[in-house]
Amino acid sequence: MLPKLKLAKYSLLVMFATLINAVALASPTIPAEIINFNYSLLGFEVKVADLELFAKQGQITKNLNFYLKRISPQQRKKLQQFLTQSYEVDPVLVYRYLRTSVGIKLFERIGNIIQIPHDINGFYGLRASVVQAAASAEGINFIDFLKSFPTDIKLNLPELIKLVEQVSDSEKDTAKFIASIQEQTLESKAIGKNSPDFSSDGQFTVTKQTREFYDHQRDRNLVSDLYLPQGTTSKISVIVVSNGLGAKRDRFKELAHHLASYGFAVVILDHPGSDRKREKAFRNWLYQENFDATEFIDRPLDISFILDELAQTQQVEFPQRLNLKQVGIFGYSLGGTTAMSLAGAQINFEQLEQDCAQPLNLLNISILYQCRALELPRETRSLKDERIKAAFLFVPFGKSLFGEAELAKIDIPTIWQVVDKDFLTSLLDEQIPAFNALTNRDRYLVISEKLPHANTTASKEQSSSQAETSRITKNYQNILSLVFFESYVAENADYPSYLSSEYIQSISQEPYNLHMLYDSQINNMNTKID
């Protein structure tokens, strides 16, 4: 994950750097020599050579000093570090993503800010620079991005200032929102100290079966991992896990094992049009897009089909007797969107067309993925599955896809976990408005601070800090999902008391603070920022 630097919001030069950091970076070819800033009748410029001299040697020319003297020495040091910080990227994925409909729309929006001379959208310059830079063995940094840009750069300063103000306002409003939640849970710290350790595995040993289900009607081969508890004689509650875009079944294997050790049967499936296999095929030029728009329909149908198949075969294959009339679903990102469809929300094309016609909000990239649904036929189709009795949504998106009226149709217990800083699914622009549309009584909003949208699986390439955030994320998910599904799927009377801000505060680990609001608290609180 790219490192983030908190730079001075009042320096246009620094904010320009921050903007580029959030978008893409590149490496040397044909150098841009000048960055032009124009606002109304005023114009000024920064030489790329001056920035490079400052970045590599710390020297500040007279021209650059005019701007840098407006920020503190500490901020200058951070800027210098940023300018030379290298970032690893996958060159093939970069090239392929920038040719998807989402990548094109994203860079066209950015190109309206980072232009070439004569007020021309900088899309092609941006794309060329990033693609070329991605092949560098040394990684990508900001100075190399400037030097690789095929022409001089002209910044659309009014648009940049507008974005800077939007970022600044978002940071302030997010901090204000988190502070308001902290006020409600301030007195909860001491409660729950003697609670069971739900982060540890339960009493049952777990076995895993890999099974294939073939849907002849839709010509989809659904590979699934089924985690089963051993030694239980009672009926087994079932949890289905729907993954995010480009993911494989192993992403949530720890979660599946954890739930199964407490007596649940857990099914994790690969969705053929948006899983890891599709991602690899996309990388190998077999598809123009990294996922099919039809996945908004096919993913929920995949889950309903697997539940049907399990019901038909369980008499012979599962002597423990799966309870397939009381099923829970855990959905991550696009999987959360899948879960909302199964819970009763239908695509609202009118709302989607209206939102997709607006200028792209760079703080909520998920809208680009939601707009892919406009490729579908305009037909009303309910994908609700009555067997789904509870939904755990982890950083989902669907505010525009479903709209307020459709989200209000979700009538099952729902826990909605989000992170405080997420440019893919913005807390204030995407998550909170969508959550506020829910009207069901048993709904819970969980906010984790300083944890990423992704990075839920550990890998050898992770830094120690990334490994720590991955561990914390999984720990929170294991505990929250267990308590939630025990309460609303297994209907275990011992667990609902743990779905409280008091208990959540007791498991929270600084600085990755965890906060929960539940129905009565939500009704008494204005979660819309003034």
Foldseek 3Di string as FASTA:
>chain_A
DDDADDADLPALVVLVLNVCSLPFFFAADAAAFWEWEDDDPDIDIDGLVQLVCCLPPVDHDPRRCVRVVVDDPVNSVSVSCQQPDFDADALLVLLLQCLAPLNVLVLQLVQQFWDAPPSHRCSVQQSQRRNNGNPDPVGGGHSRSNNHRNYHIYGPVVVSNVLSVVVVVLVVLLVVLVVVQCVVCVPQQVPPQPPDQLLDAAQFAKDKDWDWDADPVVRDIKIKIKIATPDDQAAAEEEEEEEDFAEDQPLCPVLQRRLRSVRHIYMYIAQVFGYVVLQVCSSVVVDSHSGALCCLVVVLVVVVVVLVVCVVPCVPVPNSHYDQQQYEYEAAAQGLSSVLLQLFFWFDVVLLVVVVVDRDDQQASQNSVLNSNVVDPPDTDRSHDNSHAEYEYELYFCCSRRHLVRLQSRAHAYEYEYESRASHQHVQPTPPVSLVSHDHQRYKYKYWYPAYSDLLDDDPPDDPVSVVSNVLVSSVSSNVVNLVCCCTRVVPPVRPVCLDQSNQSNSADPPGGMGMDTRVRVVVDDSHGD
